[in-house]
C-alpha atoms as a PDB file:
ATOM      1  CA  MET A   1     169.814  61.861  47.194  1.00  0.00           C
ATOM      2  CA  LEU A   2     168.121  65.157  47.993  1.00  0.00           C
ATOM      3  CA  GLY A   3     169.984  68.196  46.779  1.00  0.00           C
ATOM      4  CA  THR A   4     172.211  66.470  44.236  1.00  0.00           C
ATOM      5  CA  ASN A   5     170.539  68.089  41.232  1.00  0.00           C
ATOM      6  CA  ASP A   6     172.684  69.747  38.580  1.00  0.00           C
ATOM      7  CA  LEU A   7     173.212  73.278  39.871  1.00  0.00           C
ATOM      8  CA  SER A   8     174.870  74.603  36.732  1.00  0.00           C
ATOM      9  CA  SER A   9     171.658  76.045  35.273  1.00  0.00           C
ATOM     10  CA  VAL A  10     169.956  79.311  36.173  1.00  0.00           C
ATOM     11  CA  ASP A  11     167.138  77.358  37.857  1.00  0.00           C
ATOM     12  CA  ASN A  12     169.106  75.965  40.769  1.00  0.00           C
ATOM     13  CA  GLY A  13     168.337  75.328  44.408  1.00  0.00           C
ATOM     14  CA  LEU A  14     165.237  73.885  46.019  1.00  0.00           C
ATOM     15  CA  ASP A  15     161.823  75.073  44.870  1.00  0.00           C
ATOM     16  CA  PHE A  16     159.736  75.986  47.923  1.00  0.00           C
ATOM     17  CA  SER A  17     157.105  77.802  45.863  1.00  0.00           C
ATOM     18  CA  TYR A  18     154.554  75.114  46.757  1.00  0.00           C
ATOM     19  CA  TRP A  19     154.960  75.734  50.501  1.00  0.00           C
ATOM     20  CA  GLU A  20     151.542  76.424  52.008  1.00  0.00           C
ATOM     21  CA  ASP A  21     151.068  78.962  54.792  1.00  0.00           C
ATOM     22  CA  GLN A  22     150.301  76.678  57.720  1.00  0.00           C
ATOM     23  CA  LYS A  23     149.268  79.220  60.370  1.00  0.00           C
ATOM     24  CA  GLY A  24     148.061  76.655  62.867  1.00  0.00           C
ATOM     25  CA  THR A  25     144.360  76.874  63.414  1.00  0.00           C
ATOM     26  CA  ASP A  26     143.217  73.941  61.268  1.00  0.00           C
ATOM     27  CA  SER A  27     145.539  70.991  61.987  1.00  0.00           C
ATOM     28  CA  PRO A  28     148.858  70.486  63.780  1.00  0.00           C
ATOM     29  CA  LEU A  29     150.114  67.945  61.250  1.00  0.00           C
ATOM     30  CA  PRO A  30     153.115  68.770  59.053  1.00  0.00           C
ATOM     31  CA  LEU A  31     152.465  69.320  55.360  1.00  0.00           C
ATOM     32  CA  PRO A  32     154.395  68.039  52.359  1.00  0.00           C
ATOM     33  CA  CYS A  33     155.995  70.496  49.951  1.00  0.00           C
ATOM     34  CA  TRP A  34     156.812  68.869  46.611  1.00  0.00           C
ATOM     35  CA  PHE A  35     159.821  70.290  44.803  1.00  0.00           C
ATOM     36  CA  GLY A  36     158.351  69.371  41.421  1.00  0.00           C
ATOM     37  CA  ASN A  37     161.389  67.529  40.117  1.00  0.00           C
ATOM     38  CA  GLU A  38     161.796  64.181  38.407  1.00  0.00           C
ATOM     39  CA  LYS A  39     163.140  62.522  41.565  1.00  0.00           C
ATOM     40  CA  ASN A  40     159.892  63.192  43.452  1.00  0.00           C
ATOM     41  CA  GLU A  41     161.811  64.932  46.224  1.00  0.00           C
ATOM     42  CA  LYS A  42     159.870  66.844  48.840  1.00  0.00           C
ATOM     43  CA  ALA A  43     160.045  68.460  52.226  1.00  0.00           C
ATOM     44  CA  ILE A  44     157.851  67.716  55.207  1.00  0.00           C
ATOM     45  CA  ILE A  45     157.314  71.024  56.977  1.00  0.00           C
ATOM     46  CA  GLN A  46     155.847  71.771  60.391  1.00  0.00           C
ATOM     47  CA  ASP A  47     155.385  75.534  60.724  1.00  0.00           C
ATOM     48  CA  ARG A  48     152.190  75.988  62.749  1.00  0.00           C
ATOM     49  CA  TYR A  49     153.289  79.418  63.958  1.00  0.00           C
ATOM     50  CA  ALA A  50     149.792  80.641  64.917  1.00  0.00           C
ATOM     51  CA  LEU A  51     149.333  78.039  67.660  1.00  0.00           C
ATOM     52  CA  LYS A  52     149.803  79.117  71.271  1.00  0.00           C
ATOM     53  CA  LYS A  53     153.103  77.908  72.681  1.00  0.00           C
ATOM     54  CA  GLU A  54     151.574  75.072  74.752  1.00  0.00           C
ATOM     55  CA  GLU A  55     149.491  73.755  71.858  1.00  0.00           C
ATOM     56  CA  LYS A  56     152.389  74.214  69.445  1.00  0.00           C
ATOM     57  CA  TRP A  57     154.579  72.004  71.623  1.00  0.00           C
ATOM     58  CA  GLN A  58     151.963  69.384  72.521  1.00  0.00           C
ATOM     59  CA  SER A  59     150.389  68.867  69.122  1.00  0.00           C
ATOM     60  CA  ALA A  60     152.657  70.149  66.349  1.00  0.00           C
ATOM     61  CA  VAL A  61     156.282  69.831  67.483  1.00  0.00           C
ATOM     62  CA  THR A  62     156.028  66.489  69.297  1.00  0.00           C
ATOM     63  CA  THR A  63     153.939  65.024  66.465  1.00  0.00           C
ATOM     64  CA  MET A  64     156.658  65.907  63.965  1.00  0.00           C
ATOM     65  CA  LEU A  65     159.435  64.649  66.249  1.00  0.00           C
ATOM     66  CA  GLY A  66     157.646  61.373  66.893  1.00  0.00           C
ATOM     67  CA  ASP A  67     156.146  60.603  63.490  1.00  0.00           C
ATOM     68  CA  TYR A  68     158.802  61.729  61.008  1.00  0.00           C
ATOM     69  CA  GLN A  69     160.587  58.804  59.358  1.00  0.00           C
ATOM     70  CA  PRO A  70     163.911  59.709  57.718  1.00  0.00           C
ATOM     71  CA  HIS A  71     164.095  59.147  53.959  1.00  0.00           C
ATOM     72  CA  LYS A  72     166.794  60.036  51.441  1.00  0.00           C
ATOM     73  CA  ASN A  73     164.355  62.016  49.236  1.00  0.00           C
ATOM     74  CA  ILE A  74     162.581  63.885  52.038  1.00  0.00           C
ATOM     75  CA  MET A  75     163.869  67.002  53.767  1.00  0.00           C
ATOM     76  CA  ALA A  76     162.303  67.604  57.193  1.00  0.00           C
ATOM     77  CA  LEU A  77     161.878  71.144  58.541  1.00  0.00           C
ATOM     78  CA  ASN A  78     160.454  71.543  62.050  1.00  0.00           C
ATOM     79  CA  PHE A  79     159.921  75.184  63.070  1.00  0.00           C
ATOM     80  CA  LEU A  80     159.691  75.712  66.833  1.00  0.00           C
ATOM     81  CA  SER A  81     158.756  79.400  66.609  1.00  0.00           C
ATOM     82  CA  THR A  82     155.318  80.786  67.453  1.00  0.00           C
ATOM     83  CA  ARG A  83     153.429  84.020  66.991  1.00  0.00           C
ATOM     84  CA  GLY A  84     153.699  86.488  69.858  1.00  0.00           C
ATOM     85  CA  ASN A  85     156.532  87.361  72.204  1.00  0.00           C
ATOM     86  CA  PRO A  86     159.501  85.502  70.670  1.00  0.00           C
ATOM     87  CA  ARG A  87     161.668  85.435  73.804  1.00  0.00           C
ATOM     88  CA  GLU A  88     158.890  84.254  76.142  1.00  0.00           C
ATOM     89  CA  ASN A  89     157.621  81.633  73.698  1.00  0.00           C
ATOM     90  CA  ALA A  90     161.128  80.369  72.943  1.00  0.00           C
ATOM     91  CA  GLU A  91     161.891  79.989  76.646  1.00  0.00           C
ATOM     92  CA  TYR A  92     158.878  77.686  76.998  1.00  0.00           C
ATOM     93  CA  ILE A  93     159.433  75.707  73.765  1.00  0.00           C
ATOM     94  CA  ASN A  94     163.195  75.385  74.327  1.00  0.00           C
ATOM     95  CA  LYS A  95     162.665  74.180  77.917  1.00  0.00           C
ATOM     96  CA  MET A  96     160.179  71.561  76.721  1.00  0.00           C
ATOM     97  CA  PHE A  97     162.569  70.469  73.961  1.00  0.00           C
ATOM     98  CA  SER A  98     165.486  70.182  76.383  1.00  0.00           C
ATOM     99  CA  GLU A  99     163.387  67.874  78.622  1.00  0.00           C
ATOM    100  CA  TYR A 100     161.969  65.820  75.726  1.00  0.00           C
ATOM    101  CA  SER A 101     163.475  62.384  75.180  1.00  0.00           C
ATOM    102  CA  LEU A 102     164.308  62.226  71.488  1.00  0.00           C
ATOM    103  CA  PRO A 103     163.948  58.871  69.732  1.00  0.00           C
ATOM    104  CA  ASP A 104     167.189  57.585  68.206  1.00  0.00           C
ATOM    105  CA  LYS A 105     166.728  58.733  64.608  1.00  0.00           C
ATOM    106  CA  PRO A 106     167.630  61.722  62.445  1.00  0.00           C
ATOM    107  CA  PHE A 107     165.145  64.605  62.582  1.00  0.00           C
ATOM    108  CA  GLY A 108     166.274  66.793  59.722  1.00  0.00           C
ATOM    109  CA  ILE A 109     166.398  70.517  60.366  1.00  0.00           C
ATOM    110  CA  ILE A 110     164.965  71.891  63.598  1.00  0.00           C
ATOM    111  CA  ILE A 111     164.600  75.676  63.574  1.00  0.00           C
ATOM    112  CA  PHE A 112     164.773  77.325  67.011  1.00  0.00           C
ATOM    113  CA  ASP A 113     164.309  80.855  68.260  1.00  0.00           C
ATOM    114  CA  PHE A 114     167.131  81.741  70.683  1.00  0.00           C
ATOM    115  CA  LEU A 115     169.076  78.521  70.176  1.00  0.00           C
ATOM    116  CA  THR A 116     171.558  77.562  72.892  1.00  0.00           C
ATOM    117  CA  GLU A 117     174.677  75.461  72.555  1.00  0.00           C
ATOM    118  CA  THR A 118     173.069  72.746  74.708  1.00  0.00           C
ATOM    119  CA  LEU A 119     170.022  72.504  72.425  1.00  0.00           C
ATOM    120  CA  ALA A 120     172.232  72.396  69.327  1.00  0.00           C
ATOM    121  CA  GLU A 121     174.342  69.604  70.823  1.00  0.00           C
ATOM    122  CA  LYS A 122     171.202  67.608  71.644  1.00  0.00           C
ATOM    123  CA  VAL A 123     170.038  67.757  68.021  1.00  0.00           C
ATOM    124  CA  ILE A 124     173.500  67.029  66.605  1.00  0.00           C
ATOM    125  CA  ASN A 125     174.053  64.075  68.931  1.00  0.00           C
ATOM    126  CA  THR A 126     170.651  62.568  68.123  1.00  0.00           C
ATOM    127  CA  ASN A 127     171.054  63.077  64.379  1.00  0.00           C
ATOM    128  CA  THR A 128     174.453  61.365  64.353  1.00  0.00           C
ATOM    129  CA  GLU A 129     174.569  59.017  67.380  1.00  0.00           C
ATOM    130  CA  GLY A 130     175.158  55.382  66.479  1.00  0.00           C
ATOM    131  CA  LYS A 131     175.445  56.033  62.752  1.00  0.00           C
ATOM    132  CA  ASP A 132     178.511  55.633  60.620  1.00  0.00           C
ATOM    133  CA  GLU A 133     179.648  58.337  58.202  1.00  0.00           C
ATOM    134  CA  SER A 134     177.836  56.753  55.236  1.00  0.00           C
ATOM    135  CA  ASP A 135     174.453  57.251  56.976  1.00  0.00           C
ATOM    136  CA  ILE A 136     174.889  60.975  57.628  1.00  0.00           C
END
């Protein structure tokens, strides 16, 4: 399971040194970030921060939400932030997220700007709904 490595050594934690700067101008698809360990663990990261808010939502965020398949050795990180005015962009992205019908599956970690309690509850309920404690 991801994150169960021996943390007693100096080299502990997850190694994100392979994380590429995604910007956003080439492709909206999330990129893998291998942790370089013997368990072949990785993260799938969507951080296309240079896309305009509408394109970010339509191509990057919804692609990650729809296509990501949960796996015990894969950590998913979906950044909803964009370059520019953080408050204005977050209002748009957060509104779109609140109206988006999430498929019934875990999504990993979704990183918001200006998170509200309602948005947090939506993610928590989707990540845990219909699953027993051994699945979480």
